[in-house]
Amino acid sequence: MLSVVTGTDDHVRRNRAAWDEWAAGYADAGLRNWAADEPTWGIWGIPEAQAGVLPSALDGLDSIELGCGTGYVSAWLGRRGVRPAGLDNSPAQLKTARALQDRFGLRFPVFQADAERVPLADARFDLAISEYGASIWCDPYAWIPEAARLLRSLFGMRRFEWPDAESVEFHLSHGDMIRLLRRCGLEVEDLLELRPEPGAAASHPLATLEWARRWPCEEVWKARKVRAGTSG
């Protein structure tokens, strides 16, 4: 059972009261967004295909929506293979979100909490998202550190045992790799982040072409042995 966190700051109380009053007026919009085949963003309804808000590789991620309102962003994510969760300051908004979950048969955890004080453990999620939620109704100096706290990071990377594979892989963060190389008397000369050409075909289904052209999925480390008597 998640405890309800009711912030005592004046803006938290005022925004909760305001959204409890406004919630009924957003129920129809929530229904339309839940029913939409593709996500659209903002007051202009910009299609996801144009805006490119979401990462292309979503399947299997854990997400937290900060200020979820009626929960339609989490619903979009859930249909793309994400394990979503949402929180909102307004009980009335969450009542709509739960009703829409029942209507569409797509259920995920939603709970009342202030995004500036999230009652969840560190490093629980791969993706934190907010559309017209915490991003404008919460103090950025409070909710952004909370979002960062909730996200998993590269710290502690080493051994990976994937659920569907019998083998074991080893990966280090860039910082750990640099320190290990230096400790072994090696000096980093370059780090090549490989980017495929448009239309390239992968020999292994590691990432989509669209993803790999935006973020490096393969890299090459160049290091040389430091001669005795040199620094480093």
Foldseek 3Di string as FASTA:
>chain_A
DFDAAQDPDPLLVVVQVVCLVCLVVCLVVLLVLLPDPFAAADPVRHTCVVVVPDAPPQAPWEEEEAFCQLNSVVSNSVVVHYQYEYEHQYPNSVVSNVVVCVVVVNDHHYYYYHLLDDRDQFAQGAYYHYGPGCVPSPDCVRNVVSVNRNHHDQPPFFWDDDPVDPDIDTDHDPVVVCVVCVVVQKDWPDKAQDQDDPPDDDPDPPDDNVNCNVGRPDMDTDIDHDDPPDDD
